[in-house]
């Protein structure tokens, strides 16, 4: 993610993992991500996360 941000600072990334104890999931913003979602997830959970992130962008 940090490499992508170097190429374009407007890049927004969401991390997804099945390892809930992963340091990247626990502290995703320190790694340059704007959100995180743990696997397995339902499509509605992903939709809610994306809706939240997109509405924050509009503020």
PDB file of N, CA and C in Angstrom:
ATOM      1  N   UNK A   1       0.825  -1.184   0.000  1.00  0.00           N
ATOM      2  CA  UNK A   1       0.000   0.000   0.000  1.00  0.00           C
ATOM      3  C   UNK A   1       0.872   1.250   0.000  1.00  0.00           C
ATOM      4  N   UNK A   2       1.941   1.210   0.754  1.00  0.00           N
ATOM      5  CA  UNK A   2       2.813   2.393   0.817  1.00  0.00           C
ATOM      6  C   UNK A   2       3.438   2.699  -0.541  1.00  0.00           C
ATOM      7  N   UNK A   3       3.747   1.668  -1.314  1.00  0.00           N
ATOM      8  CA  UNK A   3       4.280   1.891  -2.665  1.00  0.00           C
ATOM      9  C   UNK A   3       3.228   2.543  -3.560  1.00  0.00           C
ATOM     10  N   UNK A   4       1.989   2.084  -3.449  1.00  0.00           N
ATOM     11  CA  UNK A   4       0.909   2.687  -4.234  1.00  0.00           C
ATOM     12  C   UNK A   4       0.711   4.149  -3.855  1.00  0.00           C
ATOM     13  N   UNK A   5       0.780   4.440  -2.568  1.00  0.00           N
ATOM     14  CA  UNK A   5       0.614   5.819  -2.110  1.00  0.00           C
ATOM     15  C   UNK A   5       1.742   6.722  -2.605  1.00  0.00           C
ATOM     16  N   UNK A   6       2.926   6.159  -2.740  1.00  0.00           N
ATOM     17  CA  UNK A   6       4.034   6.944  -3.287  1.00  0.00           C
ATOM     18  C   UNK A   6       3.778   7.303  -4.747  1.00  0.00           C
ATOM     19  N   UNK A   7       3.135   6.391  -5.470  1.00  0.00           N
ATOM     20  CA  UNK A   7       2.834   6.646  -6.880  1.00  0.00           C
ATOM     21  C   UNK A   7       1.671   7.617  -7.026  1.00  0.00           C
ATOM     22  N   UNK A   8       0.686   7.514  -6.133  1.00  0.00           N
ATOM     23  CA  UNK A   8      -0.482   8.397  -6.174  1.00  0.00           C
ATOM     24  C   UNK A   8      -1.034   8.523  -4.763  1.00  0.00           C
ATOM     25  N   UNK A   9      -0.826   9.654  -4.160  1.00  0.00           N
ATOM     26  CA  UNK A   9      -1.217   9.867  -2.763  1.00  0.00           C
ATOM     27  C   UNK A   9      -2.727   9.854  -2.548  1.00  0.00           C
ATOM     28  N   UNK A  10      -3.493   9.877  -3.638  1.00  0.00           N
ATOM     29  CA  UNK A  10      -4.955   9.836  -3.524  1.00  0.00           C
ATOM     30  C   UNK A  10      -5.494   8.408  -3.482  1.00  0.00           C
ATOM     31  N   UNK A  11      -4.617   7.427  -3.615  1.00  0.00           N
ATOM     32  CA  UNK A  11      -5.019   6.031  -3.603  1.00  0.00           C
ATOM     33  C   UNK A  11      -5.651   5.664  -2.265  1.00  0.00           C
ATOM     34  N   UNK A  12      -6.735   4.911  -2.327  1.00  0.00           N
ATOM     35  CA  UNK A  12      -7.422   4.434  -1.123  1.00  0.00           C
ATOM     36  C   UNK A  12      -7.439   2.921  -1.167  1.00  0.00           C
ATOM     37  N   UNK A  13      -6.988   2.281  -0.100  1.00  0.00           N
ATOM     38  CA  UNK A  13      -6.942   0.823  -0.065  1.00  0.00           C
ATOM     39  C   UNK A  13      -7.618   0.274   1.174  1.00  0.00           C
ATOM     40  N   UNK A  14      -8.248  -0.875   0.998  1.00  0.00           N
ATOM     41  CA  UNK A  14      -8.878  -1.601   2.096  1.00  0.00           C
ATOM     42  C   UNK A  14      -8.190  -2.957   2.186  1.00  0.00           C
ATOM     43  N   UNK A  15      -7.773  -3.316   3.379  1.00  0.00           N
ATOM     44  CA  UNK A  15      -7.119  -4.605   3.599  1.00  0.00           C
ATOM     45  C   UNK A  15      -8.153  -5.632   4.040  1.00  0.00           C
ATOM     46  N   UNK A  16      -8.008  -6.854   3.540  1.00  0.00           N
ATOM     47  CA  UNK A  16      -8.896  -7.947   3.919  1.00  0.00           C
ATOM     48  C   UNK A  16      -8.047  -9.160   4.243  1.00  0.00           C
ATOM     49  N   UNK A  17      -8.326  -9.782   5.388  1.00  0.00           N
ATOM     50  CA  UNK A  17      -7.546 -10.936   5.802  1.00  0.00           C
ATOM     51  C   UNK A  17      -8.379 -11.851   6.681  1.00  0.00           C
ATOM     52  N   UNK A  18      -8.021 -13.110   6.684  1.00  0.00           N
ATOM     53  CA  UNK A  18      -8.654 -14.077   7.566  1.00  0.00           C
ATOM     54  C   UNK A  18      -7.935 -14.194   8.891  1.00  0.00           C
ATOM     55  N   UNK A  19      -6.880 -13.430   9.063  1.00  0.00           N
ATOM     56  CA  UNK A  19      -6.088 -13.469  10.296  1.00  0.00           C
ATOM     57  C   UNK A  19      -6.411 -12.236  11.140  1.00  0.00           C
ATOM     58  N   UNK A  20      -7.354 -12.402  12.059  1.00  0.00           N
ATOM     59  CA  UNK A  20      -7.824 -11.275  12.867  1.00  0.00           C
ATOM     60  C   UNK A  20      -6.726 -10.697  13.749  1.00  0.00           C
ATOM     61  N   UNK A  21      -5.727 -11.493  14.100  1.00  0.00           N
ATOM     62  CA  UNK A  21      -4.657 -11.005  14.962  1.00  0.00           C
ATOM     63  C   UNK A  21      -3.496 -10.392  14.184  1.00  0.00           C
ATOM     64  N   UNK A  22      -3.660 -10.268  12.881  1.00  0.00           N
ATOM     65  CA  UNK A  22      -2.626  -9.671  12.040  1.00  0.00           C
ATOM     66  C   UNK A  22      -2.398  -8.217  12.445  1.00  0.00           C
ATOM     67  N   UNK A  23      -1.146  -7.804  12.576  1.00  0.00           N
ATOM     68  CA  UNK A  23      -0.874  -6.412  12.921  1.00  0.00           C
ATOM     69  C   UNK A  23      -1.399  -5.429  11.869  1.00  0.00           C
ATOM     70  N   UNK A  24      -1.442  -5.860  10.617  1.00  0.00           N
ATOM     71  CA  UNK A  24      -1.940  -4.974   9.557  1.00  0.00           C
ATOM     72  C   UNK A  24      -3.445  -4.755   9.723  1.00  0.00           C
ATOM     73  N   UNK A  25      -4.186  -5.796  10.057  1.00  0.00           N
ATOM     74  CA  UNK A  25      -5.626  -5.663  10.280  1.00  0.00           C
ATOM     75  C   UNK A  25      -5.895  -4.814  11.523  1.00  0.00           C
ATOM     76  N   UNK A  26      -5.147  -5.063  12.573  1.00  0.00           N
ATOM     77  CA  UNK A  26      -5.364  -4.344  13.839  1.00  0.00           C
ATOM     78  C   UNK A  26      -5.021  -2.865  13.744  1.00  0.00           C
ATOM     79  N   UNK A  27      -4.039  -2.528  12.920  1.00  0.00           N
ATOM     80  CA  UNK A  27      -3.562  -1.140  12.842  1.00  0.00           C
ATOM     81  C   UNK A  27      -3.397  -0.744  11.369  1.00  0.00           C
ATOM     82  N   UNK A  28      -4.474  -0.938  10.602  1.00  0.00           N
ATOM     83  CA  UNK A  28      -4.414  -0.767   9.144  1.00  0.00           C
ATOM     84  C   UNK A  28      -3.967   0.621   8.708  1.00  0.00           C
ATOM     85  N   UNK A  29      -4.346   1.650   9.431  1.00  0.00           N
ATOM     86  CA  UNK A  29      -3.988   3.004   8.994  1.00  0.00           C
ATOM     87  C   UNK A  29      -2.479   3.248   9.051  1.00  0.00           C
ATOM     88  N   UNK A  30      -1.786   2.571   9.950  1.00  0.00           N
ATOM     89  CA  UNK A  30      -0.331   2.715  10.035  1.00  0.00           C
ATOM     90  C   UNK A  30       0.352   2.150   8.786  1.00  0.00           C
ATOM     91  N   UNK A  31      -0.363   1.296   8.065  1.00  0.00           N
ATOM     92  CA  UNK A  31       0.167   0.697   6.852  1.00  0.00           C
ATOM     93  C   UNK A  31      -0.350   1.383   5.595  1.00  0.00           C
ATOM     94  N   UNK A  32      -1.115   2.457   5.786  1.00  0.00           N
ATOM     95  CA  UNK A  32      -1.575   3.254   4.650  1.00  0.00           C
ATOM     96  C   UNK A  32      -2.962   2.917   4.133  1.00  0.00           C
ATOM     97  N   UNK A  33      -3.653   1.984   4.800  1.00  0.00           N
ATOM     98  CA  UNK A  33      -4.999   1.611   4.369  1.00  0.00           C
ATOM     99  C   UNK A  33      -6.039   2.528   5.017  1.00  0.00           C
ATOM    100  N   UNK A  34      -7.176   2.672   4.364  1.00  0.00           N
ATOM    101  CA  UNK A  34      -8.257   3.506   4.912  1.00  0.00           C
ATOM    102  C   UNK A  34      -9.327   2.667   5.600  1.00  0.00           C
ATOM    103  N   UNK A  35      -9.244   1.356   5.460  1.00  0.00           N
ATOM    104  CA  UNK A  35     -10.219   0.479   6.091  1.00  0.00           C
ATOM    105  C   UNK A  35      -9.727  -0.951   6.114  1.00  0.00           C
ATOM    106  N   UNK A  36     -10.418  -1.770   6.917  1.00  0.00           N
ATOM    107  CA  UNK A  36     -10.072  -3.184   7.024  1.00  0.00           C
ATOM    108  C   UNK A  36     -11.346  -3.989   7.223  1.00  0.00           C
ATOM    109  N   UNK A  37     -11.335  -5.193   6.702  1.00  0.00           N
ATOM    110  CA  UNK A  37     -12.460  -6.105   6.880  1.00  0.00           C
ATOM    111  C   UNK A  37     -11.900  -7.517   7.015  1.00  0.00           C
ATOM    112  N   UNK A  38     -12.403  -8.233   8.020  1.00  0.00           N
ATOM    113  CA  UNK A  38     -11.919  -9.576   8.281  1.00  0.00           C
ATOM    114  C   UNK A  38     -12.721 -10.608   7.492  1.00  0.00           C
ATOM    115  N   UNK A  39     -12.012 -11.598   6.966  1.00  0.00           N
ATOM    116  CA  UNK A  39     -12.646 -12.714   6.275  1.00  0.00           C
ATOM    117  C   UNK A  39     -13.061 -13.743   7.311  1.00  0.00           C
ATOM    118  N   UNK A  40     -14.069 -14.503   7.095  1.00  0.00           N
ATOM    119  CA  UNK A  40     -14.995 -14.363   5.989  1.00  0.00           C
ATOM    120  C   UNK A  40     -15.974 -13.223   6.267  1.00  0.00           C
ATOM    121  N   UNK A  41     -16.390 -12.562   5.242  1.00  0.00           N
ATOM    122  CA  UNK A  41     -17.369 -11.500   5.402  1.00  0.00           C
ATOM    123  C   UNK A  41     -18.481 -11.693   4.385  1.00  0.00           C
ATOM    124  N   UNK A  42     -19.599 -11.109   4.704  1.00  0.00           N
ATOM    125  CA  UNK A  42     -20.744 -11.154   3.784  1.00  0.00           C
ATOM    126  C   UNK A  42     -20.712  -9.904   2.919  1.00  0.00           C
ATOM    127  N   UNK A  43     -21.301  -9.981   1.765  1.00  0.00           N
ATOM    128  CA  UNK A  43     -21.285  -8.869   0.812  1.00  0.00           C
ATOM    129  C   UNK A  43     -21.860  -7.600   1.442  1.00  0.00           C
ATOM    130  N   UNK A  44     -22.843  -7.748   2.322  1.00  0.00           N
ATOM    131  CA  UNK A  44     -23.434  -6.563   2.961  1.00  0.00           C
ATOM    132  C   UNK A  44     -22.445  -5.892   3.908  1.00  0.00           C
ATOM    133  N   UNK A  45     -21.574  -6.664   4.542  1.00  0.00           N
ATOM    134  CA  UNK A  45     -20.542  -6.074   5.406  1.00  0.00           C
ATOM    135  C   UNK A  45     -19.560  -5.252   4.569  1.00  0.00           C
ATOM    136  N   UNK A  46     -19.189  -5.790   3.420  1.00  0.00           N
ATOM    137  CA  UNK A  46     -18.292  -5.059   2.522  1.00  0.00           C
ATOM    138  C   UNK A  46     -18.978  -3.801   2.006  1.00  0.00           C
ATOM    139  N   UNK A  47     -20.237  -3.912   1.645  1.00  0.00           N
ATOM    140  CA  UNK A  47     -20.988  -2.757   1.175  1.00  0.00           C
ATOM    141  C   UNK A  47     -21.047  -1.673   2.242  1.00  0.00           C
ATOM    142  N   UNK A  48     -21.303  -2.060   3.485  1.00  0.00           N
ATOM    143  CA  UNK A  48     -21.369  -1.079   4.572  1.00  0.00           C
ATOM    144  C   UNK A  48     -20.032  -0.373   4.756  1.00  0.00           C
ATOM    145  N   UNK A  49     -18.947  -1.134   4.709  1.00  0.00           N
ATOM    146  CA  UNK A  49     -17.620  -0.527   4.850  1.00  0.00           C
ATOM    147  C   UNK A  49     -17.365   0.458   3.712  1.00  0.00           C
ATOM    148  N   UNK A  50     -17.632   0.038   2.493  1.00  0.00           N
ATOM    149  CA  UNK A  50     -17.396   0.917   1.346  1.00  0.00           C
ATOM    150  C   UNK A  50     -18.306   2.140   1.376  1.00  0.00           C
ATOM    151  N   UNK A  51     -19.568   1.951   1.760  1.00  0.00           N
ATOM    152  CA  UNK A  51     -20.478   3.094   1.888  1.00  0.00           C
ATOM    153  C   UNK A  51     -19.953   4.088   2.916  1.00  0.00           C
ATOM    154  N   UNK A  52     -19.463   3.578   4.037  1.00  0.00           N
ATOM    155  CA  UNK A  52     -18.907   4.448   5.084  1.00  0.00           C
ATOM    156  C   UNK A  52     -17.701   5.216   4.564  1.00  0.00           C
ATOM    157  N   UNK A  53     -16.794   4.514   3.915  1.00  0.00           N
ATOM    158  CA  UNK A  53     -15.585   5.162   3.396  1.00  0.00           C
ATOM    159  C   UNK A  53     -15.908   6.187   2.325  1.00  0.00           C
ATOM    160  N   UNK A  54     -16.854   5.866   1.459  1.00  0.00           N
ATOM    161  CA  UNK A  54     -17.223   6.814   0.396  1.00  0.00           C
ATOM    162  C   UNK A  54     -17.944   8.033   0.964  1.00  0.00           C
ATOM    163  N   UNK A  55     -18.754   7.843   1.976  1.00  0.00           N
ATOM    164  CA  UNK A  55     -19.456   9.006   2.564  1.00  0.00           C
ATOM    165  C   UNK A  55     -18.467   9.897   3.318  1.00  0.00           C
ATOM    166  N   UNK A  56     -17.432   9.312   3.924  1.00  0.00           N
ATOM    167  CA  UNK A  56     -16.407  10.118   4.605  1.00  0.00           C
ATOM    168  C   UNK A  56     -15.625  10.949   3.598  1.00  0.00           C
ATOM    169  N   UNK A  57     -15.440  10.406   2.417  1.00  0.00           N
ATOM    170  CA  UNK A  57     -14.690  11.114   1.373  1.00  0.00           C
ATOM    171  C   UNK A  57     -15.426  12.361   0.914  1.00  0.00           C
ATOM    172  N   UNK A  58     -16.754  12.320   0.949  1.00  0.00           N
ATOM    173  CA  UNK A  58     -17.562  13.432   0.468  1.00  0.00           C
ATOM    174  C   UNK A  58     -17.634  14.586   1.464  1.00  0.00           C
ATOM    175  N   UNK A  59     -17.212  14.353   2.697  1.00  0.00           N
ATOM    176  CA  UNK A  59     -17.301  15.396   3.737  1.00  0.00           C
ATOM    177  C   UNK A  59     -16.260  16.465   3.544  1.00  0.00           C
TER     178      UNK A  59
END
